[in-house]
Amino acid sequence: AKQGVLLLNTVLTVRNGQTFSHRGKGWEQLTDAAIKKLSDVRVLL
């Protein structure tokens, strides 16, 4: 991360023991916005 690798999940929280439990609650819209902002200003891998 300190070398420039953004370690991002599409959903940023989850219930204990319950994969995908916070999917569809709004995180995807925020992380999509972050990805779009990044791709708008530079070419990234």
All heavy atoms as atom14 arrays in JSON, in Angstrom:
{
  "sequence": "AKQGVLLLNTVLTVRNGQTFSHRGKGWEQLTDAAIKKLSDVRVLL",
  "atom14_mask": [
    [1, 1, 1, 1, 1, 0, 0, 0, 0, 0, 0, 0, 0, 0],
    [1, 1, 1, 1, 1, 1, 1, 1, 1, 0, 0, 0, 0, 0],
    [1, 1, 1, 1, 1, 1, 1, 1, 1, 0, 0, 0, 0, 0],
    [1, 1, 1, 1, 0, 0, 0, 0, 0, 0, 0, 0, 0, 0],
    [1, 1, 1, 1, 1, 1, 1, 0, 0, 0, 0, 0, 0, 0],
    [1, 1, 1, 1, 1, 1, 1, 1, 0, 0, 0, 0, 0, 0],
    [1, 1, 1, 1, 1, 1, 1, 1, 0, 0, 0, 0, 0, 0],
    [1, 1, 1, 1, 1, 1, 1, 1, 0, 0, 0, 0, 0, 0],
    [1, 1, 1, 1, 1, 1, 1, 1, 0, 0, 0, 0, 0, 0],
    [1, 1, 1, 1, 1, 1, 1, 0, 0, 0, 0, 0, 0, 0],
    [1, 1, 1, 1, 1, 1, 1, 0, 0, 0, 0, 0, 0, 0],
    [1, 1, 1, 1, 1, 1, 1, 1, 0, 0, 0, 0, 0, 0],
    [1, 1, 1, 1, 1, 1, 1, 0, 0, 0, 0, 0, 0, 0],
    [1, 1, 1, 1, 1, 1, 1, 0, 0, 0, 0, 0, 0, 0],
    [1, 1, 1, 1, 1, 1, 1, 1, 1, 1, 1, 0, 0, 0],
    [1, 1, 1, 1, 1, 1, 1, 1, 0, 0, 0, 0, 0, 0],
    [1, 1, 1, 1, 0, 0, 0, 0, 0, 0, 0, 0, 0, 0],
    [1, 1, 1, 1, 1, 1, 1, 1, 1, 0, 0, 0, 0, 0],
    [1, 1, 1, 1, 1, 1, 1, 0, 0, 0, 0, 0, 0, 0],
    [1, 1, 1, 1, 1, 1, 1, 1, 1, 1, 1, 0, 0, 0],
    [1, 1, 1, 1, 1, 1, 0, 0, 0, 0, 0, 0, 0, 0],
    [1, 1, 1, 1, 1, 1, 1, 1, 1, 1, 0, 0, 0, 0],
    [1, 1, 1, 1, 1, 1, 1, 1, 1, 1, 1, 0, 0, 0],
    [1, 1, 1, 1, 0, 0, 0, 0, 0, 0, 0, 0, 0, 0],
    [1, 1, 1, 1, 1, 1, 1, 1, 1, 0, 0, 0, 0, 0],
    [1, 1, 1, 1, 0, 0, 0, 0, 0, 0, 0, 0, 0, 0],
    [1, 1, 1, 1, 1, 1, 1, 1, 1, 1, 1, 1, 1, 1],
    [1, 1, 1, 1, 1, 1, 1, 1, 1, 0, 0, 0, 0, 0],
    [1, 1, 1, 1, 1, 1, 1, 1, 1, 0, 0, 0, 0, 0],
    [1, 1, 1, 1, 1, 1, 1, 1, 0, 0, 0, 0, 0, 0],
    [1, 1, 1, 1, 1, 1, 1, 0, 0, 0, 0, 0, 0, 0],
    [1, 1, 1, 1, 1, 1, 1, 1, 0, 0, 0, 0, 0, 0],
    [1, 1, 1, 1, 1, 0, 0, 0, 0, 0, 0, 0, 0, 0],
    [1, 1, 1, 1, 1, 0, 0, 0, 0, 0, 0, 0, 0, 0],
    [1, 1, 1, 1, 1, 1, 1, 1, 0, 0, 0, 0, 0, 0],
    [1, 1, 1, 1, 1, 1, 1, 1, 1, 0, 0, 0, 0, 0],
    [1, 1, 1, 1, 1, 1, 1, 1, 1, 0, 0, 0, 0, 0],
    [1, 1, 1, 1, 1, 1, 1, 1, 0, 0, 0, 0, 0, 0],
    [1, 1, 1, 1, 1, 1, 0, 0, 0, 0, 0, 0, 0, 0],
    [1, 1, 1, 1, 1, 1, 1, 1, 0, 0, 0, 0, 0, 0],
    [1, 1, 1, 1, 1, 1, 1, 0, 0, 0, 0, 0, 0, 0],
    [1, 1, 1, 1, 1, 1, 1, 1, 1, 1, 1, 0, 0, 0],
    [1, 1, 1, 1, 1, 1, 1, 0, 0, 0, 0, 0, 0, 0],
    [1, 1, 1, 1, 1, 1, 1, 1, 0, 0, 0, 0, 0, 0],
    [1, 1, 1, 1, 1, 1, 1, 1, 0, 0, 0, 0, 0, 0]
  ],
  "atom14_positions": [
    [[0.83, -1.21, 0.0], [0.0, 0.0, 0.0], [0.86, 1.26, 0.0], [0.57, 2.22, -0.72], [-0.94, -0.01, 1.2], [0.0, 0.0, 0.0], [0.0, 0.0, 0.0], [0.0, 0.0, 0.0], [0.0, 0.0, 0.0], [0.0, 0.0, 0.0], [0.0, 0.0, 0.0], [0.0, 0.0, 0.0], [0.0, 0.0, 0.0], [0.0, 0.0, 0.0]],
    [[1.92, 1.25, 0.78], [2.79, 2.43, 0.88], [3.59, 2.64, -0.41], [4.14, 3.71, -0.63], [3.74, 2.3, 2.07], [3.03, 2.18, 3.42], [2.28, 3.44, 3.77], [1.67, 3.29, 5.16], [0.99, 4.46, 5.63], [0.0, 0.0, 0.0], [0.0, 0.0, 0.0], [0.0, 0.0, 0.0], [0.0, 0.0, 0.0], [0.0, 0.0, 0.0]],
    [[3.61, 1.62, -1.28], [4.3, 1.74, -2.57], [3.33, 2.09, -3.71], [3.7, 2.07, -4.87], [5.03, 0.43, -2.9], [6.18, 0.15, -1.97], [6.83, -1.19, -2.26], [6.64, -1.8, -3.3], [7.62, -1.66, -1.31], [0.0, 0.0, 0.0], [0.0, 0.0, 0.0], [0.0, 0.0, 0.0], [0.0, 0.0, 0.0], [0.0, 0.0, 0.0]],
    [[2.07, 2.39, -3.36], [1.11, 2.81, -4.37], [0.11, 1.77, -4.81], [-0.58, 1.96, -5.82], [0.0, 0.0, 0.0], [0.0, 0.0, 0.0], [0.0, 0.0, 0.0], [0.0, 0.0, 0.0], [0.0, 0.0, 0.0], [0.0, 0.0, 0.0], [0.0, 0.0, 0.0], [0.0, 0.0, 0.0], [0.0, 0.0, 0.0], [0.0, 0.0, 0.0]],
    [[-0.02, 0.68, -4.08], [-1.0, -0.36, -4.42], [-2.24, -0.16, -3.55], [-2.21, -0.37, -2.34], [-0.42, -1.78, -4.2], [-1.48, -2.84, -4.53], [0.83, -1.99, -5.03], [0.0, 0.0, 0.0], [0.0, 0.0, 0.0], [0.0, 0.0, 0.0], [0.0, 0.0, 0.0], [0.0, 0.0, 0.0], [0.0, 0.0, 0.0], [0.0, 0.0, 0.0]],
    [[-3.31, 0.29, -4.18], [-4.58, 0.48, -3.47], [-5.23, -0.88, -3.31], [-5.58, -1.54, -4.29], [-5.49, 1.43, -4.23], [-6.86, 1.7, -3.61], [-6.72, 2.38, -2.25], [-7.72, 2.53, -4.55], [0.0, 0.0, 0.0], [0.0, 0.0, 0.0], [0.0, 0.0, 0.0], [0.0, 0.0, 0.0], [0.0, 0.0, 0.0], [0.0, 0.0, 0.0]],
    [[-5.39, -1.32, -2.07], [-5.96, -2.63, -1.74], [-7.43, -2.45, -1.4], [-7.81, -2.37, -0.23], [-5.18, -3.25, -0.57], [-3.69, -3.44, -0.83], [-2.93, -3.71, 0.47], [-3.47, -4.56, -1.84], [0.0, 0.0, 0.0], [0.0, 0.0, 0.0], [0.0, 0.0, 0.0], [0.0, 0.0, 0.0], [0.0, 0.0, 0.0], [0.0, 0.0, 0.0]],
    [[-8.26, -2.38, -2.42], [-9.66, -1.98, -2.27], [-10.61, -3.14, -2.48], [-10.48, -3.89, -3.44], [-9.96, -0.88, -3.29], [-11.32, -0.22, -3.23], [-11.52, 0.52, -1.91], [-11.48, 0.75, -4.41], [0.0, 0.0, 0.0], [0.0, 0.0, 0.0], [0.0, 0.0, 0.0], [0.0, 0.0, 0.0], [0.0, 0.0, 0.0], [0.0, 0.0, 0.0]],
    [[-11.57, -3.27, -1.59], [-12.69, -4.18, -1.79], [-13.85, -3.39, -2.38], [-13.97, -2.18, -2.13], [-13.12, -4.82, -0.47], [-12.21, -5.93, -0.04], [-11.88, -6.82, -0.82], [-11.78, -5.9, 1.21], [0.0, 0.0, 0.0], [0.0, 0.0, 0.0], [0.0, 0.0, 0.0], [0.0, 0.0, 0.0], [0.0, 0.0, 0.0], [0.0, 0.0, 0.0]],
    [[-14.73, -4.06, -3.13], [-15.9, -3.36, -3.65], [-16.9, -3.07, -2.54], [-17.68, -2.13, -2.64], [-16.59, -4.16, -4.77], [-16.97, -5.44, -4.28], [-15.67, -4.3, -5.97], [0.0, 0.0, 0.0], [0.0, 0.0, 0.0], [0.0, 0.0, 0.0], [0.0, 0.0, 0.0], [0.0, 0.0, 0.0], [0.0, 0.0, 0.0], [0.0, 0.0, 0.0]],
    [[-16.88, -3.88, -1.49], [-17.71, -3.7, -0.3], [-16.73, -3.6, 0.87], [-15.82, -4.41, 0.98], [-18.68, -4.89, -0.12], [-19.44, -4.79, 1.19], [-19.64, -4.98, -1.3], [0.0, 0.0, 0.0], [0.0, 0.0, 0.0], [0.0, 0.0, 0.0], [0.0, 0.0, 0.0], [0.0, 0.0, 0.0], [0.0, 0.0, 0.0], [0.0, 0.0, 0.0]],
    [[-16.91, -2.6, 1.74], [-15.89, -2.32, 2.76], [-16.18, -2.89, 4.14], [-15.33, -2.81, 5.02], [-15.66, -0.81, 2.86], [-15.23, -0.11, 1.57], [-14.91, 1.35, 1.85], [-14.06, -0.82, 0.91], [0.0, 0.0, 0.0], [0.0, 0.0, 0.0], [0.0, 0.0, 0.0], [0.0, 0.0, 0.0], [0.0, 0.0, 0.0], [0.0, 0.0, 0.0]],
    [[-17.36, -3.48, 4.34], [-17.68, -4.08, 5.64], [-18.42, -5.4, 5.41], [-18.98, -5.64, 4.34], [-18.56, -3.15, 6.49], [-19.75, -2.82, 5.76], [-17.82, -1.89, 6.9], [0.0, 0.0, 0.0], [0.0, 0.0, 0.0], [0.0, 0.0, 0.0], [0.0, 0.0, 0.0], [0.0, 0.0, 0.0], [0.0, 0.0, 0.0], [0.0, 0.0, 0.0]],
    [[-18.45, -6.22, 6.47], [-19.11, -7.52, 6.39], [-19.45, -7.99, 7.81], [-18.73, -7.67, 8.75], [-18.2, -8.55, 5.66], [-16.95, -8.85, 6.46], [-18.93, -9.82, 5.31], [0.0, 0.0, 0.0], [0.0, 0.0, 0.0], [0.0, 0.0, 0.0], [0.0, 0.0, 0.0], [0.0, 0.0, 0.0], [0.0, 0.0, 0.0], [0.0, 0.0, 0.0]],
    [[-20.54, -8.73, 7.94], [-20.86, -9.35, 9.23], [-19.93, -10.53, 9.49], [-19.52, -11.23, 8.56], [-22.3, -9.89, 9.24], [-23.34, -8.86, 9.52], [-24.69, -9.54, 9.67], [-25.73, -8.54, 9.88], [-27.0, -8.84, 10.05], [-27.4, -10.11, 10.01], [-27.88, -7.89, 10.24], [0.0, 0.0, 0.0], [0.0, 0.0, 0.0], [0.0, 0.0, 0.0]],
    [[-19.64, -10.76, 10.75], [-18.81, -11.88, 11.15], [-19.39, -13.18, 10.59], [-20.56, -13.5, 10.8], [-18.74, -11.96, 12.68], [-17.78, -13.02, 13.15], [-16.61, -12.99, 12.81], [-18.28, -13.96, 13.93], [0.0, 0.0, 0.0], [0.0, 0.0, 0.0], [0.0, 0.0, 0.0], [0.0, 0.0, 0.0], [0.0, 0.0, 0.0], [0.0, 0.0, 0.0]],
    [[-18.55, -13.92, 9.85], [-18.94, -15.23, 9.34], [-19.92, -15.21, 8.19], [-20.41, -16.27, 7.79], [0.0, 0.0, 0.0], [0.0, 0.0, 0.0], [0.0, 0.0, 0.0], [0.0, 0.0, 0.0], [0.0, 0.0, 0.0], [0.0, 0.0, 0.0], [0.0, 0.0, 0.0], [0.0, 0.0, 0.0], [0.0, 0.0, 0.0], [0.0, 0.0, 0.0]],
    [[-20.24, -14.04, 7.62], [-21.27, -13.96, 6.58], [-20.76, -13.2, 5.35], [-20.99, -12.02, 5.2], [-22.52, -13.27, 7.12], [-23.17, -14.02, 8.26], [-24.41, -13.3, 8.78], [-25.17, -12.72, 8.01], [-24.6, -13.35, 10.08], [0.0, 0.0, 0.0], [0.0, 0.0, 0.0], [0.0, 0.0, 0.0], [0.0, 0.0, 0.0], [0.0, 0.0, 0.0]],
    [[-20.08, -13.93, 4.48], [-19.6, -13.34, 3.24], [-20.74, -12.66, 2.5], [-21.87, -13.16, 2.51], [-19.0, -14.45, 2.34], [-17.98, -15.12, 3.07], [-18.41, -13.89, 1.07], [0.0, 0.0, 0.0], [0.0, 0.0, 0.0], [0.0, 0.0, 0.0], [0.0, 0.0, 0.0], [0.0, 0.0, 0.0], [0.0, 0.0, 0.0], [0.0, 0.0, 0.0]],
    [[-20.45, -11.53, 1.88], [-21.4, -10.77, 1.06], [-22.57, -10.18, 1.84], [-23.53, -9.7, 1.24], [-21.96, -11.6, -0.1], [-20.92, -12.24, -0.97], [-20.96, -13.59, -1.24], [-19.89, -11.49, -1.51], [-20.0, -14.18, -2.04], [-18.94, -12.06, -2.32], [-18.99, -13.42, -2.59], [0.0, 0.0, 0.0], [0.0, 0.0, 0.0], [0.0, 0.0, 0.0]],
    [[-22.52, -10.18, 3.17], [-23.66, -9.72, 3.95], [-23.93, -8.23, 3.81], [-25.04, -7.78, 4.1], [-23.48, -10.09, 5.43], [-22.25, -9.58, 5.91], [0.0, 0.0, 0.0], [0.0, 0.0, 0.0], [0.0, 0.0, 0.0], [0.0, 0.0, 0.0], [0.0, 0.0, 0.0], [0.0, 0.0, 0.0], [0.0, 0.0, 0.0], [0.0, 0.0, 0.0]],
    [[-22.96, -7.45, 3.38], [-23.19, -6.01, 3.18], [-23.18, -5.62, 1.7], [-23.14, -4.44, 1.37], [-22.16, -5.19, 3.96], [-22.42, -5.2, 5.44], [-21.62, -4.52, 6.33], [-23.37, -5.8, 6.19], [-22.07, -4.71, 7.55], [-23.13, -5.48, 7.49], [0.0, 0.0, 0.0], [0.0, 0.0, 0.0], [0.0, 0.0, 0.0], [0.0, 0.0, 0.0]],
    [[-23.25, -6.61, 0.85], [-23.36, -6.36, -0.59], [-24.71, -5.7, -0.87], [-25.72, -6.06, -0.27], [-23.26, -7.67, -1.37], [-23.37, -7.47, -2.88], [-23.46, -8.76, -3.62], [-22.13, -9.29, -3.86], [-21.89, -10.45, -4.43], [-22.9, -11.24, -4.79], [-20.67, -10.86, -4.62], [0.0, 0.0, 0.0], [0.0, 0.0, 0.0], [0.0, 0.0, 0.0]],
    [[-24.71, -4.73, -1.77], [-25.96, -4.08, -2.15], [-26.46, -3.03, -1.18], [-27.57, -2.53, -1.32], [0.0, 0.0, 0.0], [0.0, 0.0, 0.0], [0.0, 0.0, 0.0], [0.0, 0.0, 0.0], [0.0, 0.0, 0.0], [0.0, 0.0, 0.0], [0.0, 0.0, 0.0], [0.0, 0.0, 0.0], [0.0, 0.0, 0.0], [0.0, 0.0, 0.0]],
    [[-25.66, -2.67, -0.19], [-26.07, -1.68, 0.81], [-25.58, -0.27, 0.49], [-25.94, 0.67, 1.18], [-25.56, -2.09, 2.2], [-26.03, -3.44, 2.67], [-27.53, -3.49, 2.81], [-27.99, -4.84, 3.35], [-29.43, -4.93, 3.42], [0.0, 0.0, 0.0], [0.0, 0.0, 0.0], [0.0, 0.0, 0.0], [0.0, 0.0, 0.0], [0.0, 0.0, 0.0]],
    [[-24.74, -0.13, -0.55], [-24.26, 1.2, -0.94], [-22.77, 1.3, -1.14], [-22.29, 2.25, -1.78], [0.0, 0.0, 0.0], [0.0, 0.0, 0.0], [0.0, 0.0, 0.0], [0.0, 0.0, 0.0], [0.0, 0.0, 0.0], [0.0, 0.0, 0.0], [0.0, 0.0, 0.0], [0.0, 0.0, 0.0], [0.0, 0.0, 0.0], [0.0, 0.0, 0.0]],
    [[-22.03, 0.33, -0.6], [-20.57, 0.4, -0.75], [-20.14, 0.4, -2.21], [-19.19, 1.08, -2.59], [-19.9, -0.77, -0.03], [-19.78, -0.62, 1.44], [-20.2, -1.53, 2.39], [-19.2, 0.46, 2.17], [-19.91, -1.07, 3.64], [-19.29, 0.15, 3.54], [-18.59, 1.66, 1.79], [-18.81, 1.0, 4.53], [-18.12, 2.51, 2.78], [-18.23, 2.18, 4.13]],
    [[-20.82, -0.4, -3.03], [-20.42, -0.51, -4.43], [-20.47, 0.84, -5.13], [-19.64, 1.13, -5.99], [-21.3, -1.53, -5.17], [-21.16, -2.95, -4.66], [-22.14, -3.31, -3.55], [-22.71, -2.39, -2.91], [-22.34, -4.5, -3.31], [0.0, 0.0, 0.0], [0.0, 0.0, 0.0], [0.0, 0.0, 0.0], [0.0, 0.0, 0.0], [0.0, 0.0, 0.0]],
    [[-21.44, 1.67, -4.78], [-21.54, 2.99, -5.4], [-20.34, 3.86, -5.01], [-19.77, 4.56, -5.85], [-22.85, 3.67, -5.0], [-23.19, 4.85, -5.86], [-24.62, 5.33, -5.67], [-25.49, 4.6, -5.21], [-24.87, 6.56, -6.05], [0.0, 0.0, 0.0], [0.0, 0.0, 0.0], [0.0, 0.0, 0.0], [0.0, 0.0, 0.0], [0.0, 0.0, 0.0]],
    [[-19.92, 3.78, -3.75], [-18.76, 4.54, -3.3], [-17.48, 4.04, -3.95], [-16.68, 4.82, -4.47], [-18.63, 4.48, -1.78], [-17.43, 5.25, -1.23], [-17.69, 6.75, -1.28], [-17.12, 4.8, 0.18], [0.0, 0.0, 0.0], [0.0, 0.0, 0.0], [0.0, 0.0, 0.0], [0.0, 0.0, 0.0], [0.0, 0.0, 0.0], [0.0, 0.0, 0.0]],
    [[-17.27, 2.73, -3.96], [-16.04, 2.2, -4.54], [-16.02, 2.35, -6.06], [-14.96, 2.57, -6.63], [-15.78, 0.74, -4.1], [-16.91, -0.08, -4.42], [-15.51, 0.67, -2.6], [0.0, 0.0, 0.0], [0.0, 0.0, 0.0], [0.0, 0.0, 0.0], [0.0, 0.0, 0.0], [0.0, 0.0, 0.0], [0.0, 0.0, 0.0], [0.0, 0.0, 0.0]],
    [[-17.18, 2.28, -6.71], [-17.23, 2.57, -8.14], [-16.82, 4.02, -8.41], [-16.11, 4.31, -9.38], [-18.63, 2.32, -8.71], [-18.93, 0.86, -8.99], [-18.02, 0.01, -8.83], [-20.08, 0.56, -9.36], [0.0, 0.0, 0.0], [0.0, 0.0, 0.0], [0.0, 0.0, 0.0], [0.0, 0.0, 0.0], [0.0, 0.0, 0.0], [0.0, 0.0, 0.0]],
    [[-17.25, 4.93, -7.54], [-16.88, 6.35, -7.69], [-15.36, 6.5, -7.55], [-14.74, 7.25, -8.31], [-17.61, 7.21, -6.67], [0.0, 0.0, 0.0], [0.0, 0.0, 0.0], [0.0, 0.0, 0.0], [0.0, 0.0, 0.0], [0.0, 0.0, 0.0], [0.0, 0.0, 0.0], [0.0, 0.0, 0.0], [0.0, 0.0, 0.0], [0.0, 0.0, 0.0]],
    [[-14.77, 5.79, -6.58], [-13.32, 5.86, -6.39], [-12.58, 5.34, -7.63], [-11.63, 5.96, -8.11], [-12.91, 5.06, -5.15], [0.0, 0.0, 0.0], [0.0, 0.0, 0.0], [0.0, 0.0, 0.0], [0.0, 0.0, 0.0], [0.0, 0.0, 0.0], [0.0, 0.0, 0.0], [0.0, 0.0, 0.0], [0.0, 0.0, 0.0], [0.0, 0.0, 0.0]],
    [[-13.04, 4.22, -8.16], [-12.41, 3.63, -9.35], [-12.56, 4.56, -10.55], [-11.61, 4.78, -11.3], [-13.01, 2.24, -9.63], [-12.6, 1.26, -8.53], [-12.59, 1.73, -11.01], [-13.42, -0.02, -8.5], [0.0, 0.0, 0.0], [0.0, 0.0, 0.0], [0.0, 0.0, 0.0], [0.0, 0.0, 0.0], [0.0, 0.0, 0.0], [0.0, 0.0, 0.0]],
    [[-13.73, 5.14, -10.7], [-13.94, 6.07, -11.82], [-13.03, 7.28, -11.69], [-12.42, 7.72, -12.68], [-15.4, 6.5, -11.88], [-15.64, 7.48, -13.03], [-17.08, 7.6, -13.39], [-17.36, 8.53, -14.54], [-16.28, 9.1, -15.28], [0.0, 0.0, 0.0], [0.0, 0.0, 0.0], [0.0, 0.0, 0.0], [0.0, 0.0, 0.0], [0.0, 0.0, 0.0]],
    [[-12.92, 7.85, -10.49], [-12.04, 9.01, -10.29], [-10.6, 8.66, -10.64], [-9.9, 9.44, -11.28], [-12.13, 9.52, -8.85], [-13.46, 10.08, -8.47], [-13.71, 11.42, -9.12], [-14.97, 12.03, -8.57], [-15.23, 13.35, -9.11], [0.0, 0.0, 0.0], [0.0, 0.0, 0.0], [0.0, 0.0, 0.0], [0.0, 0.0, 0.0], [0.0, 0.0, 0.0]],
    [[-10.15, 7.49, -10.22], [-8.79, 7.06, -10.56], [-8.61, 6.92, -12.06], [-7.62, 7.41, -12.62], [-8.47, 5.73, -9.87], [-8.14, 5.77, -8.4], [-8.13, 4.37, -7.82], [-6.82, 6.47, -8.15], [0.0, 0.0, 0.0], [0.0, 0.0, 0.0], [0.0, 0.0, 0.0], [0.0, 0.0, 0.0], [0.0, 0.0, 0.0], [0.0, 0.0, 0.0]],
    [[-9.54, 6.27, -12.71], [-9.39, 6.02, -14.15], [-9.57, 7.3, -14.97], [-9.09, 7.37, -16.1], [-10.35, 4.93, -14.62], [-11.68, 5.32, -14.44], [0.0, 0.0, 0.0], [0.0, 0.0, 0.0], [0.0, 0.0, 0.0], [0.0, 0.0, 0.0], [0.0, 0.0, 0.0], [0.0, 0.0, 0.0], [0.0, 0.0, 0.0], [0.0, 0.0, 0.0]],
    [[-10.22, 8.3, -14.41], [-10.38, 9.58, -15.1], [-9.1, 10.4, -15.15], [-8.92, 11.2, -16.06], [-11.47, 10.44, -14.44], [-12.88, 9.97, -14.76], [-13.04, 9.1, -15.65], [-13.82, 10.45, -14.09], [0.0, 0.0, 0.0], [0.0, 0.0, 0.0], [0.0, 0.0, 0.0], [0.0, 0.0, 0.0], [0.0, 0.0, 0.0], [0.0, 0.0, 0.0]],
    [[-8.22, 10.21, -14.17], [-7.04, 11.09, -14.08], [-5.73, 10.43, -14.48], [-4.75, 11.13, -14.71], [-6.88, 11.7, -12.67], [-8.07, 12.58, -12.33], [-6.67, 10.63, -11.62], [0.0, 0.0, 0.0], [0.0, 0.0, 0.0], [0.0, 0.0, 0.0], [0.0, 0.0, 0.0], [0.0, 0.0, 0.0], [0.0, 0.0, 0.0], [0.0, 0.0, 0.0]],
    [[-5.69, 9.11, -14.53], [-4.44, 8.46, -14.93], [-4.7, 7.05, -15.41], [-5.73, 6.46, -15.14], [-3.43, 8.46, -13.78], [-3.84, 7.63, -12.58], [-2.77, 7.55, -11.5], [-2.46, 8.77, -10.82], [-3.14, 9.26, -9.78], [-4.17, 8.6, -9.32], [-2.77, 10.36, -9.19], [0.0, 0.0, 0.0], [0.0, 0.0, 0.0], [0.0, 0.0, 0.0]],
    [[-3.72, 6.53, -16.12], [-3.77, 5.15, -16.57], [-3.19, 4.3, -15.44], [-2.08, 4.54, -14.97], [-2.95, 4.94, -17.86], [-2.94, 3.47, -18.25], [-3.53, 5.8, -18.98], [0.0, 0.0, 0.0], [0.0, 0.0, 0.0], [0.0, 0.0, 0.0], [0.0, 0.0, 0.0], [0.0, 0.0, 0.0], [0.0, 0.0, 0.0], [0.0, 0.0, 0.0]],
    [[-3.95, 3.34, -14.99], [-3.54, 2.48, -13.89], [-3.68, 1.02, -14.28], [-4.42, 0.68, -15.2], [-4.43, 2.71, -12.66], [-4.38, 4.05, -11.99], [-5.45, 4.12, -10.92], [-3.02, 4.28, -11.37], [0.0, 0.0, 0.0], [0.0, 0.0, 0.0], [0.0, 0.0, 0.0], [0.0, 0.0, 0.0], [0.0, 0.0, 0.0], [0.0, 0.0, 0.0]],
    [[-3.01, 0.19, -13.53], [-3.2, -1.25, -13.64], [-4.24, -1.64, -12.6], [-4.09, -1.33, -11.41], [-1.88, -1.98, -13.37], [-1.96, -3.5, -13.32], [-2.42, -4.06, -14.67], [-0.61, -4.08, -12.93], [0.0, 0.0, 0.0], [0.0, 0.0, 0.0], [0.0, 0.0, 0.0], [0.0, 0.0, 0.0], [0.0, 0.0, 0.0], [0.0, 0.0, 0.0]]
  ]
}
